[in-house]
Amino acid sequence: MSVPLEKQMWGDMFGMCAGRFGIPWMMDSIPPQS
């Protein structure tokens, strides 16, 4: 994992990694709005 999945300063959970074939992946999870 190049960037561990963790809460960022803008409030989202964000992380980056590379898959088995070297393809980069980014994940961004937005918290629910009430």
Protein backbone atom coordinates (compact mmCIF):
# COMPACT_ATOMS: atom_id res chain seq x y z
CA MET A 1 0.00 0.00 0.00
CA SER A 2 1.45 3.35 -0.97
CA VAL A 3 -1.00 5.41 1.14
CA PRO A 4 -2.75 3.58 4.01
CA LEU A 5 -6.53 3.91 4.25
CA GLU A 6 -7.07 6.61 6.88
CA LYS A 7 -9.09 9.73 7.59
CA GLN A 8 -7.77 12.73 5.66
CA MET A 9 -7.83 16.44 6.51
CA TRP A 10 -10.83 16.98 4.19
CA GLY A 11 -12.89 14.43 6.20
CA ASP A 12 -12.93 11.44 3.82
CA MET A 13 -11.26 8.06 4.24
CA PHE A 14 -8.62 7.78 1.49
CA GLY A 15 -5.97 5.24 0.51
CA MET A 16 -3.90 4.13 -2.49
CA CYS A 17 -2.35 0.81 -3.49
CA ALA A 18 -1.15 -1.12 -6.54
CA GLY A 19 -2.79 -4.37 -7.58
CA ARG A 20 -1.13 -7.65 -8.45
CA PHE A 21 -0.42 -6.49 -12.03
CA GLY A 22 0.89 -3.04 -11.01
CA ILE A 23 -2.34 -1.17 -11.72
CA PRO A 24 -2.75 1.70 -9.23
CA TRP A 25 -5.99 1.95 -7.26
CA MET A 26 -7.34 4.85 -5.19
CA MET A 27 -10.20 4.56 -2.71
CA ASP A 28 -12.16 7.51 -1.32
CA SER A 29 -15.02 6.95 1.12
CA ILE A 30 -17.29 9.88 1.94
CA PRO A 31 -18.94 9.89 5.40
CA PRO A 32 -22.76 9.95 5.41
CA GLN A 33 -24.34 13.41 5.49
CA SER A 34 -27.15 13.96 7.98
